[in-house]
Amino acid sequence: SPAPALAAPPPKPPANMAEHEGTPEEFANFVKFITLVMQAVKRSILAMVGEGRPMSLKELPGAFERQWGTVFEKSRLSLQDLGDLASLLTLFPQCFIVDGAGPTVTVVPGGVKLTPPKEEAALALWQRSMSLQPKKLFDCVDLFQDNLEKSRAKILVITEAARKVLEDEAKVAEAKAAAMPKSMAAKANAAPPPWRMGAAAPPPAP
């Protein structure tokens, strides 16, 4: 089957794009991607059960992959379970009717074209999609190096604090020694008397 065409141009990037990860180009590409996938999902359901008939959400990923010969990219679609899939389909009410009791999905009769999701919903999906993607190797290396630098900085702070304490203690000891009278200082520095050098040897055994 031919790939579905984009029904309408995607929404422009939100004005508060600077508050989020990624670039306007990445956001626009994501909106195009998710819109095309949802159009392909619609065609997959029509091929399986037809218009106006319910289809189990559990069967949807497999039906999609058989129809299009490609993987149903759950993480890129910001999906983790069937509940997420049901929520995603409800963002396109002009085309899908979702019954959470099944859960099932039905294509709305009438052949209404599927259009991109609203800006706020698309932005939320995009941010969630990025959070579900595996971390790149270089990102992990950068994170490790950053944590290593922070650990080194903490060790330097602790070492500097310990050195400062030792210096302060040495200064205090020097000040006390300088304030001590010379006679007391000489007595303190004098060698101890012989009888304090060590205990007398015990007498030999008889």
N, C-alpha and C. Protein backbone atom coordinates (compact mmCIF):
# COMPACT_ATOMS: atom_id res chain seq x y z
N SER A 1 0.85 -1.20 0.00
CA SER A 1 0.00 0.00 0.00
C SER A 1 0.87 1.23 0.00
N PRO A 2 0.45 2.30 -0.70
CA PRO A 2 1.26 3.53 -0.70
C PRO A 2 1.23 4.21 0.65
N ALA A 3 2.29 4.88 0.98
CA ALA A 3 2.36 5.58 2.26
C ALA A 3 1.35 6.71 2.28
N PRO A 4 0.69 6.95 3.43
CA PRO A 4 -0.30 8.02 3.51
C PRO A 4 0.33 9.38 3.36
N ALA A 5 -0.37 10.29 2.74
CA ALA A 5 0.12 11.65 2.56
C ALA A 5 -0.30 12.51 3.73
N LEU A 6 0.49 13.51 4.03
CA LEU A 6 0.19 14.42 5.13
C LEU A 6 -1.04 15.24 4.77
N ALA A 7 -2.07 15.17 5.62
CA ALA A 7 -3.34 15.83 5.30
C ALA A 7 -3.25 17.34 5.41
N ALA A 8 -2.45 17.83 6.33
CA ALA A 8 -2.35 19.28 6.54
C ALA A 8 -0.98 19.60 7.08
N PRO A 9 -0.50 20.82 6.88
CA PRO A 9 0.82 21.17 7.41
C PRO A 9 0.82 21.14 8.94
N PRO A 10 1.93 20.75 9.55
CA PRO A 10 1.98 20.68 11.02
C PRO A 10 1.94 22.06 11.64
N PRO A 11 1.54 22.16 12.90
CA PRO A 11 1.49 23.47 13.55
C PRO A 11 2.88 24.05 13.70
N LYS A 12 2.95 25.37 13.79
CA LYS A 12 4.23 26.03 13.98
C LYS A 12 4.74 25.74 15.39
N PRO A 13 6.08 25.76 15.59
CA PRO A 13 6.62 25.54 16.93
C PRO A 13 6.06 26.56 17.91
N PRO A 14 5.79 26.15 19.14
CA PRO A 14 5.24 27.08 20.13
C PRO A 14 6.18 28.22 20.45
N ALA A 15 5.60 29.31 20.91
CA ALA A 15 6.41 30.50 21.21
C ALA A 15 7.37 30.26 22.35
N ASN A 16 7.04 29.34 23.28
CA ASN A 16 7.89 29.07 24.44
C ASN A 16 8.84 27.90 24.17
N MET A 17 9.26 27.73 22.92
CA MET A 17 10.14 26.63 22.56
C MET A 17 11.43 26.64 23.38
N ALA A 18 11.92 27.82 23.75
CA ALA A 18 13.18 27.92 24.51
C ALA A 18 13.07 27.23 25.87
N GLU A 19 11.85 27.03 26.37
CA GLU A 19 11.67 26.40 27.67
C GLU A 19 11.75 24.88 27.59
N HIS A 20 11.88 24.33 26.40
CA HIS A 20 11.87 22.88 26.21
C HIS A 20 13.11 22.42 25.49
N GLU A 21 13.37 21.10 25.59
CA GLU A 21 14.50 20.52 24.89
C GLU A 21 14.21 20.46 23.39
N GLY A 22 15.29 20.35 22.60
CA GLY A 22 15.09 20.19 21.17
C GLY A 22 15.03 21.52 20.44
N THR A 23 14.86 21.42 19.12
CA THR A 23 14.83 22.59 18.25
C THR A 23 13.49 22.67 17.53
N PRO A 24 13.14 23.83 16.96
CA PRO A 24 11.89 23.94 16.20
C PRO A 24 11.82 22.94 15.05
N GLU A 25 12.96 22.68 14.40
CA GLU A 25 12.97 21.72 13.29
C GLU A 25 12.64 20.32 13.79
N GLU A 26 13.18 19.94 14.95
CA GLU A 26 12.90 18.62 15.52
C GLU A 26 11.43 18.50 15.90
N PHE A 27 10.87 19.56 16.43
CA PHE A 27 9.45 19.55 16.79
C PHE A 27 8.59 19.38 15.55
N ALA A 28 8.90 20.13 14.49
CA ALA A 28 8.12 20.03 13.25
C ALA A 28 8.22 18.64 12.65
N ASN A 29 9.40 18.06 12.68
CA ASN A 29 9.57 16.70 12.16
C ASN A 29 8.79 15.68 12.98
N PHE A 30 8.76 15.88 14.29
CA PHE A 30 8.01 14.95 15.14
C PHE A 30 6.52 15.02 14.83
N VAL A 31 5.99 16.23 14.65
CA VAL A 31 4.57 16.39 14.35
C VAL A 31 4.24 15.72 13.01
N LYS A 32 5.11 15.89 12.02
CA LYS A 32 4.90 15.21 10.75
C LYS A 32 4.90 13.70 10.92
N PHE A 33 5.87 13.22 11.71
CA PHE A 33 5.99 11.78 11.93
C PHE A 33 4.74 11.21 12.59
N ILE A 34 4.29 11.82 13.68
CA ILE A 34 3.16 11.25 14.40
C ILE A 34 1.86 11.37 13.60
N THR A 35 1.74 12.41 12.78
CA THR A 35 0.56 12.55 11.94
C THR A 35 0.52 11.47 10.86
N LEU A 36 1.66 11.23 10.23
CA LEU A 36 1.73 10.19 9.21
C LEU A 36 1.48 8.81 9.81
N VAL A 37 2.01 8.56 11.00
CA VAL A 37 1.79 7.26 11.65
C VAL A 37 0.32 7.06 11.98
N MET A 38 -0.34 8.10 12.47
CA MET A 38 -1.75 7.97 12.79
C MET A 38 -2.60 7.76 11.54
N GLN A 39 -2.20 8.37 10.43
CA GLN A 39 -2.90 8.11 9.17
C GLN A 39 -2.70 6.65 8.74
N ALA A 40 -1.47 6.13 8.96
CA ALA A 40 -1.20 4.74 8.65
C ALA A 40 -1.97 3.81 9.59
N VAL A 41 -2.11 4.20 10.85
CA VAL A 41 -2.90 3.42 11.81
C VAL A 41 -4.35 3.33 11.34
N LYS A 42 -4.88 4.45 10.90
CA LYS A 42 -6.26 4.48 10.41
C LYS A 42 -6.44 3.50 9.25
N ARG A 43 -5.51 3.50 8.30
CA ARG A 43 -5.60 2.60 7.16
C ARG A 43 -5.46 1.14 7.59
N SER A 44 -4.62 0.90 8.60
CA SER A 44 -4.45 -0.47 9.11
C SER A 44 -5.75 -1.00 9.71
N ILE A 45 -6.44 -0.15 10.46
CA ILE A 45 -7.71 -0.56 11.06
C ILE A 45 -8.75 -0.83 9.98
N LEU A 46 -8.81 0.04 8.99
CA LEU A 46 -9.77 -0.14 7.89
C LEU A 46 -9.50 -1.44 7.13
N ALA A 47 -8.20 -1.77 6.97
CA ALA A 47 -7.86 -2.99 6.26
C ALA A 47 -8.23 -4.23 7.06
N MET A 48 -8.19 -4.13 8.39
CA MET A 48 -8.45 -5.28 9.25
C MET A 48 -9.93 -5.51 9.49
N VAL A 49 -10.65 -4.46 9.90
CA VAL A 49 -12.06 -4.64 10.32
C VAL A 49 -13.03 -3.77 9.54
N GLY A 50 -12.52 -2.79 8.80
CA GLY A 50 -13.42 -1.93 8.06
C GLY A 50 -13.88 -0.74 8.87
N GLU A 51 -14.67 0.10 8.24
CA GLU A 51 -15.14 1.34 8.86
C GLU A 51 -16.29 1.06 9.82
N GLY A 52 -16.25 1.73 10.99
CA GLY A 52 -17.35 1.63 11.93
C GLY A 52 -17.37 0.37 12.78
N ARG A 53 -16.36 -0.47 12.68
CA ARG A 53 -16.31 -1.70 13.47
C ARG A 53 -15.13 -1.63 14.43
N PRO A 54 -15.30 -2.10 15.68
CA PRO A 54 -14.23 -2.00 16.68
C PRO A 54 -13.10 -3.00 16.44
N MET A 55 -11.93 -2.58 16.81
CA MET A 55 -10.75 -3.43 16.74
C MET A 55 -10.02 -3.37 18.07
N SER A 56 -9.55 -4.51 18.56
CA SER A 56 -8.83 -4.55 19.83
C SER A 56 -7.51 -3.78 19.72
N LEU A 57 -7.23 -2.98 20.74
CA LEU A 57 -5.97 -2.23 20.73
C LEU A 57 -4.76 -3.16 20.79
N LYS A 58 -4.93 -4.34 21.39
CA LYS A 58 -3.82 -5.29 21.46
C LYS A 58 -3.39 -5.73 20.06
N GLU A 59 -4.34 -5.78 19.13
CA GLU A 59 -4.03 -6.24 17.77
C GLU A 59 -3.47 -5.14 16.88
N LEU A 60 -3.59 -3.91 17.33
CA LEU A 60 -3.23 -2.79 16.46
C LEU A 60 -1.75 -2.75 16.07
N PRO A 61 -0.79 -2.87 17.01
CA PRO A 61 0.63 -2.82 16.60
C PRO A 61 0.98 -3.90 15.57
N GLY A 62 0.50 -5.12 15.80
CA GLY A 62 0.79 -6.20 14.86
C GLY A 62 0.17 -5.96 13.50
N ALA A 63 -1.07 -5.46 13.49
CA ALA A 63 -1.74 -5.16 12.22
C ALA A 63 -1.00 -4.05 11.48
N PHE A 64 -0.52 -3.07 12.20
CA PHE A 64 0.24 -1.98 11.59
C PHE A 64 1.51 -2.51 10.93
N GLU A 65 2.24 -3.36 11.64
CA GLU A 65 3.50 -3.87 11.12
C GLU A 65 3.28 -4.78 9.90
N ARG A 66 2.22 -5.56 9.91
CA ARG A 66 1.92 -6.41 8.75
C ARG A 66 1.50 -5.56 7.55
N GLN A 67 0.75 -4.51 7.81
CA GLN A 67 0.25 -3.67 6.73
C GLN A 67 1.37 -2.88 6.05
N TRP A 68 2.31 -2.36 6.87
CA TRP A 68 3.31 -1.43 6.33
C TRP A 68 4.72 -2.01 6.29
N GLY A 69 4.93 -3.20 6.87
CA GLY A 69 6.25 -3.81 6.83
C GLY A 69 7.30 -3.04 7.60
N THR A 70 6.91 -2.34 8.64
CA THR A 70 7.84 -1.58 9.47
C THR A 70 7.43 -1.69 10.93
N VAL A 71 8.34 -1.36 11.80
CA VAL A 71 8.10 -1.48 13.24
C VAL A 71 7.17 -0.37 13.73
N PHE A 72 6.27 -0.73 14.63
CA PHE A 72 5.41 0.25 15.30
C PHE A 72 6.23 0.83 16.45
N GLU A 73 6.82 2.00 16.24
CA GLU A 73 7.79 2.55 17.18
C GLU A 73 7.10 3.15 18.41
N LYS A 74 6.92 2.32 19.42
CA LYS A 74 6.17 2.74 20.60
C LYS A 74 6.85 3.89 21.35
N SER A 75 8.15 3.75 21.60
CA SER A 75 8.82 4.79 22.38
C SER A 75 8.84 6.12 21.64
N ARG A 76 9.06 6.08 20.32
CA ARG A 76 9.07 7.32 19.55
C ARG A 76 7.68 7.95 19.50
N LEU A 77 6.65 7.12 19.63
CA LEU A 77 5.28 7.64 19.68
C LEU A 77 4.86 8.02 21.10
N SER A 78 5.83 7.97 22.03
CA SER A 78 5.61 8.30 23.45
C SER A 78 4.67 7.30 24.11
N LEU A 79 4.76 6.02 23.73
CA LEU A 79 3.88 4.98 24.27
C LEU A 79 4.67 4.00 25.14
N GLN A 80 4.03 3.59 26.24
CA GLN A 80 4.59 2.54 27.09
C GLN A 80 3.63 1.36 27.26
N ASP A 81 2.34 1.61 27.16
CA ASP A 81 1.36 0.53 27.33
C ASP A 81 0.11 0.86 26.53
N LEU A 82 -0.91 -0.02 26.65
CA LEU A 82 -2.15 0.17 25.90
C LEU A 82 -2.90 1.43 26.34
N GLY A 83 -2.74 1.78 27.61
CA GLY A 83 -3.38 3.01 28.09
C GLY A 83 -2.85 4.23 27.36
N ASP A 84 -1.52 4.24 27.14
CA ASP A 84 -0.92 5.35 26.38
C ASP A 84 -1.42 5.37 24.94
N LEU A 85 -1.55 4.17 24.35
CA LEU A 85 -2.03 4.09 22.97
C LEU A 85 -3.47 4.61 22.87
N ALA A 86 -4.29 4.24 23.84
CA ALA A 86 -5.68 4.73 23.84
C ALA A 86 -5.71 6.25 23.97
N SER A 87 -4.87 6.79 24.85
CA SER A 87 -4.82 8.25 25.02
C SER A 87 -4.36 8.95 23.75
N LEU A 88 -3.39 8.35 23.07
CA LEU A 88 -2.90 8.95 21.83
C LEU A 88 -4.00 8.99 20.78
N LEU A 89 -4.75 7.91 20.64
CA LEU A 89 -5.81 7.88 19.63
C LEU A 89 -6.92 8.89 19.93
N THR A 90 -7.16 9.17 21.21
CA THR A 90 -8.20 10.14 21.56
C THR A 90 -7.82 11.57 21.17
N LEU A 91 -6.54 11.79 20.84
CA LEU A 91 -6.13 13.12 20.37
C LEU A 91 -6.58 13.38 18.93
N PHE A 92 -7.16 12.36 18.30
CA PHE A 92 -7.65 12.49 16.92
C PHE A 92 -9.12 12.06 16.88
N PRO A 93 -9.98 12.79 17.60
CA PRO A 93 -11.39 12.39 17.72
C PRO A 93 -12.15 12.43 16.40
N GLN A 94 -11.64 13.18 15.42
CA GLN A 94 -12.32 13.25 14.13
C GLN A 94 -12.21 11.93 13.37
N CYS A 95 -11.27 11.07 13.81
CA CYS A 95 -11.04 9.80 13.08
C CYS A 95 -11.24 8.55 13.93
N PHE A 96 -11.02 8.65 15.26
CA PHE A 96 -11.04 7.45 16.09
C PHE A 96 -12.02 7.59 17.26
N ILE A 97 -12.70 6.50 17.54
CA ILE A 97 -13.54 6.38 18.73
C ILE A 97 -12.92 5.29 19.59
N VAL A 98 -12.50 5.64 20.79
CA VAL A 98 -11.82 4.70 21.67
C VAL A 98 -12.77 4.28 22.79
N ASP A 99 -12.88 2.98 22.98
CA ASP A 99 -13.67 2.42 24.07
C ASP A 99 -12.70 1.81 25.07
N GLY A 100 -12.58 2.45 26.23
CA GLY A 100 -11.64 1.98 27.23
C GLY A 100 -12.01 0.68 27.89
N ALA A 101 -13.25 0.25 27.75
CA ALA A 101 -13.68 -1.00 28.38
C ALA A 101 -13.04 -2.20 27.71
N GLY A 102 -12.78 -2.12 26.40
CA GLY A 102 -12.24 -3.25 25.65
C GLY A 102 -10.81 -3.61 25.97
N PRO A 103 -9.85 -2.72 25.73
CA PRO A 103 -10.09 -1.48 25.00
C PRO A 103 -10.11 -1.73 23.49
N THR A 104 -10.92 -0.95 22.79
CA THR A 104 -11.02 -1.08 21.34
C THR A 104 -10.99 0.30 20.70
N VAL A 105 -10.74 0.32 19.39
CA VAL A 105 -10.76 1.55 18.63
C VAL A 105 -11.59 1.33 17.37
N THR A 106 -12.36 2.34 17.00
CA THR A 106 -13.21 2.28 15.81
C THR A 106 -12.94 3.51 14.96
N VAL A 107 -12.82 3.29 13.65
CA VAL A 107 -12.65 4.42 12.73
C VAL A 107 -14.00 5.08 12.51
N VAL A 108 -14.04 6.39 12.69
CA VAL A 108 -15.28 7.15 12.51
C VAL A 108 -15.74 7.04 11.05
N PRO A 109 -16.97 6.65 10.82
CA PRO A 109 -17.47 6.57 9.43
C PRO A 109 -17.49 7.95 8.77
N GLY A 110 -17.30 7.96 7.47
CA GLY A 110 -17.39 9.21 6.74
C GLY A 110 -16.11 9.63 6.04
N GLY A 111 -15.01 8.94 6.33
CA GLY A 111 -13.76 9.25 5.66
C GLY A 111 -13.19 10.61 5.97
N VAL A 112 -13.33 11.07 7.21
CA VAL A 112 -12.78 12.36 7.60
C VAL A 112 -11.25 12.29 7.59
N LYS A 113 -10.60 13.33 7.06
CA LYS A 113 -9.15 13.35 7.02
C LYS A 113 -8.56 13.56 8.40
N LEU A 114 -7.46 12.89 8.64
CA LEU A 114 -6.75 13.04 9.91
C LEU A 114 -5.80 14.22 9.82
N THR A 115 -5.87 15.11 10.78
CA THR A 115 -5.02 16.31 10.81
C THR A 115 -4.09 16.26 12.01
N PRO A 116 -3.01 17.04 12.00
CA PRO A 116 -2.06 17.01 13.12
C PRO A 116 -2.73 17.36 14.44
N PRO A 117 -2.16 16.88 15.55
CA PRO A 117 -2.72 17.21 16.87
C PRO A 117 -2.52 18.68 17.20
N LYS A 118 -3.26 19.13 18.20
CA LYS A 118 -3.11 20.52 18.62
C LYS A 118 -1.72 20.76 19.20
N GLU A 119 -1.33 22.03 19.18
CA GLU A 119 0.04 22.39 19.55
C GLU A 119 0.42 21.89 20.95
N GLU A 120 -0.42 22.13 21.94
CA GLU A 120 -0.09 21.75 23.32
C GLU A 120 0.06 20.24 23.43
N ALA A 121 -0.85 19.49 22.80
CA ALA A 121 -0.77 18.03 22.84
C ALA A 121 0.47 17.54 22.12
N ALA A 122 0.78 18.13 20.96
CA ALA A 122 1.96 17.72 20.21
C ALA A 122 3.23 17.98 20.99
N LEU A 123 3.30 19.12 21.67
CA LEU A 123 4.48 19.45 22.46
C LEU A 123 4.65 18.46 23.61
N ALA A 124 3.55 18.12 24.29
CA ALA A 124 3.62 17.16 25.40
C ALA A 124 4.08 15.79 24.89
N LEU A 125 3.55 15.35 23.75
CA LEU A 125 3.97 14.08 23.17
C LEU A 125 5.44 14.09 22.80
N TRP A 126 5.90 15.20 22.25
CA TRP A 126 7.29 15.32 21.82
C TRP A 126 8.24 15.21 23.01
N GLN A 127 7.93 15.94 24.08
CA GLN A 127 8.79 15.89 25.27
C GLN A 127 8.81 14.49 25.87
N ARG A 128 7.66 13.84 25.91
CA ARG A 128 7.60 12.47 26.45
C ARG A 128 8.36 11.51 25.54
N SER A 129 8.24 11.69 24.24
CA SER A 129 8.95 10.83 23.30
C SER A 129 10.46 10.93 23.51
N MET A 130 10.97 12.13 23.69
CA MET A 130 12.40 12.31 23.90
C MET A 130 12.85 11.67 25.21
N SER A 131 12.01 11.74 26.24
CA SER A 131 12.37 11.16 27.53
C SER A 131 12.42 9.63 27.48
N LEU A 132 11.69 9.03 26.53
CA LEU A 132 11.65 7.57 26.42
C LEU A 132 12.74 7.01 25.53
N GLN A 133 13.47 7.88 24.82
CA GLN A 133 14.51 7.39 23.93
C GLN A 133 15.74 7.00 24.73
N PRO A 134 16.47 5.97 24.30
CA PRO A 134 17.71 5.58 24.99
C PRO A 134 18.72 6.72 24.95
N LYS A 135 19.47 6.85 26.04
CA LYS A 135 20.51 7.88 26.09
C LYS A 135 21.64 7.52 25.13
N LYS A 136 22.15 8.53 24.43
CA LYS A 136 23.26 8.33 23.52
C LYS A 136 24.55 8.12 24.32
N LEU A 137 25.48 7.37 23.71
CA LEU A 137 26.73 7.06 24.39
C LEU A 137 27.47 8.32 24.80
N PHE A 138 27.54 9.31 23.90
CA PHE A 138 28.28 10.53 24.22
C PHE A 138 27.60 11.31 25.35
N ASP A 139 26.27 11.22 25.42
CA ASP A 139 25.56 11.88 26.52
C ASP A 139 25.96 11.24 27.85
N CYS A 140 26.08 9.89 27.86
CA CYS A 140 26.47 9.19 29.08
C CYS A 140 27.90 9.56 29.48
N VAL A 141 28.80 9.66 28.49
CA VAL A 141 30.18 10.03 28.79
C VAL A 141 30.24 11.44 29.35
N ASP A 142 29.50 12.35 28.76
CA ASP A 142 29.48 13.73 29.26
C ASP A 142 28.95 13.78 30.68
N LEU A 143 27.90 12.99 30.95
CA LEU A 143 27.34 12.97 32.30
C LEU A 143 28.35 12.42 33.29
N PHE A 144 29.08 11.35 32.90
CA PHE A 144 30.10 10.78 33.78
C PHE A 144 31.20 11.79 34.07
N GLN A 145 31.67 12.48 33.04
CA GLN A 145 32.73 13.47 33.23
C GLN A 145 32.26 14.62 34.11
N ASP A 146 31.03 15.02 33.93
CA ASP A 146 30.49 16.10 34.74
C ASP A 146 30.43 15.70 36.21
N ASN A 147 29.95 14.46 36.48
CA ASN A 147 29.89 13.98 37.85
C ASN A 147 31.29 13.82 38.45
N LEU A 148 32.25 13.38 37.59
CA LEU A 148 33.62 13.23 38.07
C LEU A 148 34.21 14.58 38.47
N GLU A 149 33.97 15.60 37.66
CA GLU A 149 34.47 16.94 37.99
C GLU A 149 33.84 17.46 39.27
N LYS A 150 32.56 17.18 39.46
CA LYS A 150 31.90 17.62 40.70
C LYS A 150 32.50 16.92 41.91
N SER A 151 32.80 15.62 41.77
CA SER A 151 33.40 14.87 42.88
C SER A 151 34.79 15.42 43.20
N ARG A 152 35.57 15.72 42.16
CA ARG A 152 36.90 16.29 42.38
C ARG A 152 36.81 17.64 43.08
N ALA A 153 35.84 18.44 42.68
CA ALA A 153 35.67 19.76 43.30
C ALA A 153 35.33 19.61 44.79
N LYS A 154 34.48 18.63 45.11
CA LYS A 154 34.13 18.42 46.53
C LYS A 154 35.35 17.98 47.33
N ILE A 155 36.17 17.09 46.74
CA ILE A 155 37.38 16.62 47.44
C ILE A 155 38.34 17.79 47.68
N LEU A 156 38.48 18.67 46.70
CA LEU A 156 39.36 19.84 46.86
C LEU A 156 38.87 20.75 47.97
N VAL A 157 37.56 20.92 48.04
CA VAL A 157 37.00 21.77 49.10
C VAL A 157 37.28 21.16 50.47
N ILE A 158 37.08 19.85 50.59
CA ILE A 158 37.33 19.18 51.88
C ILE A 158 38.81 19.24 52.24
N THR A 159 39.67 19.01 51.25
CA THR A 159 41.11 19.05 51.50
C THR A 159 41.56 20.44 51.92
N GLU A 160 41.05 21.46 51.26
CA GLU A 160 41.40 22.84 51.60
C GLU A 160 40.92 23.18 53.01
N ALA A 161 39.74 22.71 53.38
CA ALA A 161 39.23 22.98 54.72
C ALA A 161 40.10 22.30 55.78
N ALA A 162 40.52 21.06 55.49
CA ALA A 162 41.38 20.35 56.45
C ALA A 162 42.73 21.05 56.59
N ARG A 163 43.30 21.51 55.46
CA ARG A 163 44.58 22.22 55.51
C ARG A 163 44.46 23.50 56.32
N LYS A 164 43.34 24.19 56.17
CA LYS A 164 43.11 25.44 56.92
C LYS A 164 43.04 25.16 58.42
N VAL A 165 42.37 24.06 58.80
CA VAL A 165 42.28 23.72 60.22
C VAL A 165 43.66 23.44 60.80
N LEU A 166 44.47 22.67 60.05
CA LEU A 166 45.82 22.35 60.53
C LEU A 166 46.67 23.60 60.66
N GLU A 167 46.57 24.50 59.70
CA GLU A 167 47.33 25.75 59.77
C GLU A 167 46.90 26.57 60.98
N ASP A 168 45.59 26.64 61.23
CA ASP A 168 45.10 27.40 62.38
C ASP A 168 45.60 26.79 63.69
N GLU A 169 45.61 25.46 63.78
CA GLU A 169 46.09 24.81 64.99
C GLU A 169 47.58 25.06 65.20
N ALA A 170 48.33 25.05 64.09
CA ALA A 170 49.77 25.31 64.19
C ALA A 170 50.03 26.74 64.65
N LYS A 171 49.26 27.70 64.14
CA LYS A 171 49.41 29.10 64.55
C LYS A 171 49.09 29.27 66.04
N VAL A 172 48.05 28.59 66.49
CA VAL A 172 47.69 28.67 67.91
C VAL A 172 48.81 28.11 68.78
N ALA A 173 49.37 26.96 68.34
CA ALA A 173 50.47 26.36 69.11
C ALA A 173 51.69 27.27 69.14
N GLU A 174 51.99 27.91 68.01
CA GLU A 174 53.12 28.84 67.96
C GLU A 174 52.88 30.04 68.85
N ALA A 175 51.65 30.53 68.84
CA ALA A 175 51.33 31.68 69.69
C ALA A 175 51.47 31.33 71.17
N LYS A 176 51.03 30.14 71.56
CA LYS A 176 51.16 29.72 72.95
C LYS A 176 52.64 29.58 73.34
N ALA A 177 53.42 29.01 72.41
CA ALA A 177 54.85 28.84 72.70
C ALA A 177 55.54 30.19 72.83
N ALA A 178 55.15 31.16 72.00
CA ALA A 178 55.77 32.48 72.07
C ALA A 178 55.39 33.21 73.34
N ALA A 179 54.20 32.95 73.85
CA ALA A 179 53.76 33.63 75.07
C ALA A 179 54.28 32.97 76.33
N MET A 180 54.84 31.78 76.23
CA MET A 180 55.33 31.06 77.41
C MET A 180 56.63 31.70 77.92
N PRO A 181 56.78 31.90 79.24
CA PRO A 181 58.04 32.43 79.79
C PRO A 181 59.23 31.58 79.38
N LYS A 182 60.41 32.23 79.24
CA LYS A 182 61.59 31.52 78.77
C LYS A 182 61.97 30.39 79.71
N SER A 183 61.82 30.62 81.04
CA SER A 183 62.20 29.59 82.00
C SER A 183 61.33 28.35 81.82
N MET A 184 60.03 28.56 81.61
CA MET A 184 59.11 27.43 81.42
C MET A 184 59.39 26.75 80.08
N ALA A 185 59.72 27.56 79.06
CA ALA A 185 60.01 26.98 77.76
C ALA A 185 61.26 26.12 77.82
N ALA A 186 62.32 26.63 78.56
CA ALA A 186 63.54 25.86 78.69
C ALA A 186 63.29 24.57 79.45
N LYS A 187 62.46 24.66 80.51
CA LYS A 187 62.15 23.46 81.29
C LYS A 187 61.38 22.46 80.46
N ALA A 188 60.45 22.99 79.60
CA ALA A 188 59.65 22.09 78.78
C ALA A 188 60.51 21.40 77.73
N ASN A 189 61.57 22.13 77.26
CA ASN A 189 62.41 21.56 76.22
C ASN A 189 63.58 20.77 76.77
N ALA A 190 63.82 20.81 78.13
CA ALA A 190 64.96 20.12 78.73
C ALA A 190 64.76 18.61 78.68
N ALA A 191 65.85 17.92 78.68
CA ALA A 191 65.78 16.45 78.66
C ALA A 191 65.27 15.96 80.01
N PRO A 192 64.50 14.90 80.05
CA PRO A 192 63.99 14.37 81.32
C PRO A 192 65.13 13.77 82.14
N PRO A 193 64.99 13.71 83.49
CA PRO A 193 66.04 13.13 84.34
C PRO A 193 66.23 11.64 84.03
N PRO A 194 67.40 11.13 84.39
CA PRO A 194 67.71 9.72 84.04
C PRO A 194 66.70 8.72 84.57
N TRP A 195 66.19 8.98 85.81
CA TRP A 195 65.24 7.98 86.36
C TRP A 195 63.90 7.93 85.63
N ARG A 196 63.69 8.93 84.73
CA ARG A 196 62.44 8.90 83.94
C ARG A 196 62.67 8.36 82.52
N MET A 197 63.94 8.01 82.25
CA MET A 197 64.23 7.54 80.92
C MET A 197 63.67 6.15 80.67
N GLY A 198 63.50 5.39 81.75
CA GLY A 198 62.95 4.03 81.59
C GLY A 198 62.95 3.34 82.93
N ALA A 199 62.18 2.32 83.05
CA ALA A 199 62.10 1.55 84.31
C ALA A 199 63.39 0.80 84.54
N ALA A 200 63.79 0.64 85.81
CA ALA A 200 64.99 -0.10 86.15
C ALA A 200 64.83 -1.54 85.76
N ALA A 201 65.93 -2.17 85.35
CA ALA A 201 65.88 -3.58 84.96
C ALA A 201 65.60 -4.43 86.19
N PRO A 202 64.79 -5.45 86.09
CA PRO A 202 64.49 -6.32 87.25
C PRO A 202 65.74 -7.10 87.67
N PRO A 203 65.85 -7.42 88.98
CA PRO A 203 67.02 -8.17 89.47
C PRO A 203 67.04 -9.55 88.86
N PRO A 204 68.24 -10.11 88.66
CA PRO A 204 68.31 -11.46 88.07
C PRO A 204 67.68 -12.49 88.97
N ALA A 205 67.13 -13.49 88.36
CA ALA A 205 66.49 -14.58 89.14
C ALA A 205 67.54 -15.36 89.89
N PRO A 206 67.25 -15.77 91.15
CA PRO A 206 68.23 -16.54 91.94
C PRO A 206 68.48 -17.93 91.32
